Each structure stands twice: as C-alpha cells, then as structure tokens.
Amino acid sequence: MKITINGQHFELANYGNLTQALREFAAKEPFAVAVNGQFIPRSQCDTYLLNEGDSIELLSPIQGG
C-alpha cells in the first residue's frame, strides 16, 4: 500500500493500521499524528485502518526560548 509520511512516499508491506505504519517508518517519540489533516489520538492508532494514498503527518513538539 502506498502512503505519504511527512511528505515522503512510503510503501507498507501490507494493509494495516496506523500503529503498524508508524512502526515501519520508525517514528521517534514524542509526536502527534494526523491522517489526511485530521488529528488521531494515540489511543486510536491501533484501530485506525489506513487506506491507499493516505497522507500521514508526524508533528513533534518544538521547544524554544
């Protein structure tokens, strides 16, 4: 399945849930996640099924001073 993660094209080994995609992408904590512009709570990542062409954005907190 072809998806986009942070603007990069990515191919998953098979159709799966959001947690599997984040694991294959080796996402590093901490981050928030949005699929097709919609925030997905981390508690729902295991049950959120991805579709061909979905766009995932990982948003990391920024510290400043």
C-alpha atoms as a PDB file:
ATOM      1  CA  MET A   1       0.000   0.000   0.000  1.00  0.00           C
ATOM      2  CA  LYS A   2       1.370   3.417  -0.928  1.00  0.00           C
ATOM      3  CA  ILE A   3       1.020   6.271   1.568  1.00  0.00           C
ATOM      4  CA  THR A   4       2.825   9.527   2.309  1.00  0.00           C
ATOM      5  CA  ILE A   5       4.524  10.225   5.650  1.00  0.00           C
ATOM      6  CA  ASN A   6       5.781  13.756   6.256  1.00  0.00           C
ATOM      7  CA  GLY A   7       5.834  14.396   2.520  1.00  0.00           C
ATOM      8  CA  GLN A   8       7.846  11.261   1.703  1.00  0.00           C
ATOM      9  CA  HIS A   9       6.342   8.450  -0.339  1.00  0.00           C
ATOM     10  CA  PHE A  10       6.333   5.248   1.636  1.00  0.00           C
ATOM     11  CA  GLU A  11       5.154   1.734   0.845  1.00  0.00           C
ATOM     12  CA  LEU A  12       3.803  -0.519   3.576  1.00  0.00           C
ATOM     13  CA  ALA A  13       4.371  -4.249   3.324  1.00  0.00           C
ATOM     14  CA  ASN A  14       0.618  -4.812   3.628  1.00  0.00           C
ATOM     15  CA  TYR A  15      -2.582  -3.053   4.527  1.00  0.00           C
ATOM     16  CA  GLY A  16      -2.678  -2.274   8.183  1.00  0.00           C
ATOM     17  CA  ASN A  17      -3.385   0.114  10.967  1.00  0.00           C
ATOM     18  CA  LEU A  18      -1.740   3.383  11.841  1.00  0.00           C
ATOM     19  CA  THR A  19       0.419   1.847  14.585  1.00  0.00           C
ATOM     20  CA  GLN A  20       1.948  -0.601  12.087  1.00  0.00           C
ATOM     21  CA  ALA A  21       2.764   2.246   9.684  1.00  0.00           C
ATOM     22  CA  LEU A  22       4.414   4.288  12.452  1.00  0.00           C
ATOM     23  CA  ARG A  23       6.448   1.246  13.492  1.00  0.00           C
ATOM     24  CA  GLU A  24       7.611   0.548   9.905  1.00  0.00           C
ATOM     25  CA  PHE A  25       8.516   4.229   9.490  1.00  0.00           C
ATOM     26  CA  ALA A  26      10.489   4.048  12.786  1.00  0.00           C
ATOM     27  CA  ALA A  27       8.752   7.135  14.174  1.00  0.00           C
ATOM     28  CA  LYS A  28      10.527   8.587  17.213  1.00  0.00           C
ATOM     29  CA  GLU A  29       8.615   9.772  20.301  1.00  0.00           C
ATOM     30  CA  PRO A  30       7.290  12.271  21.207  1.00  0.00           C
ATOM     31  CA  PHE A  31       4.938  13.184  18.381  1.00  0.00           C
ATOM     32  CA  ALA A  32       1.310  13.797  17.494  1.00  0.00           C
ATOM     33  CA  VAL A  33      -0.130  12.231  14.371  1.00  0.00           C
ATOM     34  CA  ALA A  34      -2.609  13.426  11.761  1.00  0.00           C
ATOM     35  CA  VAL A  35      -4.008  11.470   8.820  1.00  0.00           C
ATOM     36  CA  ASN A  36      -5.315  13.474   5.868  1.00  0.00           C
ATOM     37  CA  GLY A  37      -5.263  16.582   8.072  1.00  0.00           C
ATOM     38  CA  GLN A  38      -7.270  15.034  10.919  1.00  0.00           C
ATOM     39  CA  PHE A  39      -5.643  14.562  14.337  1.00  0.00           C
ATOM     40  CA  ILE A  40      -5.758  10.936  15.506  1.00  0.00           C
ATOM     41  CA  PRO A  41      -5.452  10.362  19.264  1.00  0.00           C
ATOM     42  CA  ARG A  42      -2.693   7.903  20.115  1.00  0.00           C
ATOM     43  CA  SER A  43      -5.294   5.741  21.871  1.00  0.00           C
ATOM     44  CA  GLN A  44      -6.967   5.161  18.471  1.00  0.00           C
ATOM     45  CA  CYS A  45      -3.859   4.366  16.376  1.00  0.00           C
ATOM     46  CA  ASP A  46      -4.243   0.594  16.857  1.00  0.00           C
ATOM     47  CA  THR A  47      -7.768   0.621  15.436  1.00  0.00           C
ATOM     48  CA  TYR A  48      -7.326   3.317  12.750  1.00  0.00           C
ATOM     49  CA  LEU A  49      -7.130   1.499   9.405  1.00  0.00           C
ATOM     50  CA  LEU A  50      -5.152   3.148   6.628  1.00  0.00           C
ATOM     51  CA  ASN A  51      -6.231   3.409   3.001  1.00  0.00           C
ATOM     52  CA  GLU A  52      -4.209   3.581  -0.186  1.00  0.00           C
ATOM     53  CA  GLY A  53      -2.950   7.139  -0.718  1.00  0.00           C
ATOM     54  CA  ASP A  54      -3.410   8.360   2.878  1.00  0.00           C
ATOM     55  CA  SER A  55      -1.173  11.213   3.985  1.00  0.00           C
ATOM     56  CA  ILE A  56       0.290  10.979   7.492  1.00  0.00           C
ATOM     57  CA  GLU A  57       1.938  13.893   9.261  1.00  0.00           C
ATOM     58  CA  LEU A  58       4.031  13.427  12.403  1.00  0.00           C
ATOM     59  CA  LEU A  59       4.209  16.597  14.448  1.00  0.00           C
ATOM     60  CA  SER A  60       6.940  16.923  17.060  1.00  0.00           C
ATOM     61  CA  PRO A  61       6.840  19.476  19.858  1.00  0.00           C
ATOM     62  CA  ILE A  62       9.215  22.407  19.421  1.00  0.00           C
ATOM     63  CA  GLN A  63      10.964  23.919  22.399  1.00  0.00           C
ATOM     64  CA  GLY A  64      12.038  27.493  22.290  1.00  0.00           C
ATOM     65  CA  GLY A  65      13.174  30.248  24.467  1.00  0.00           C
END
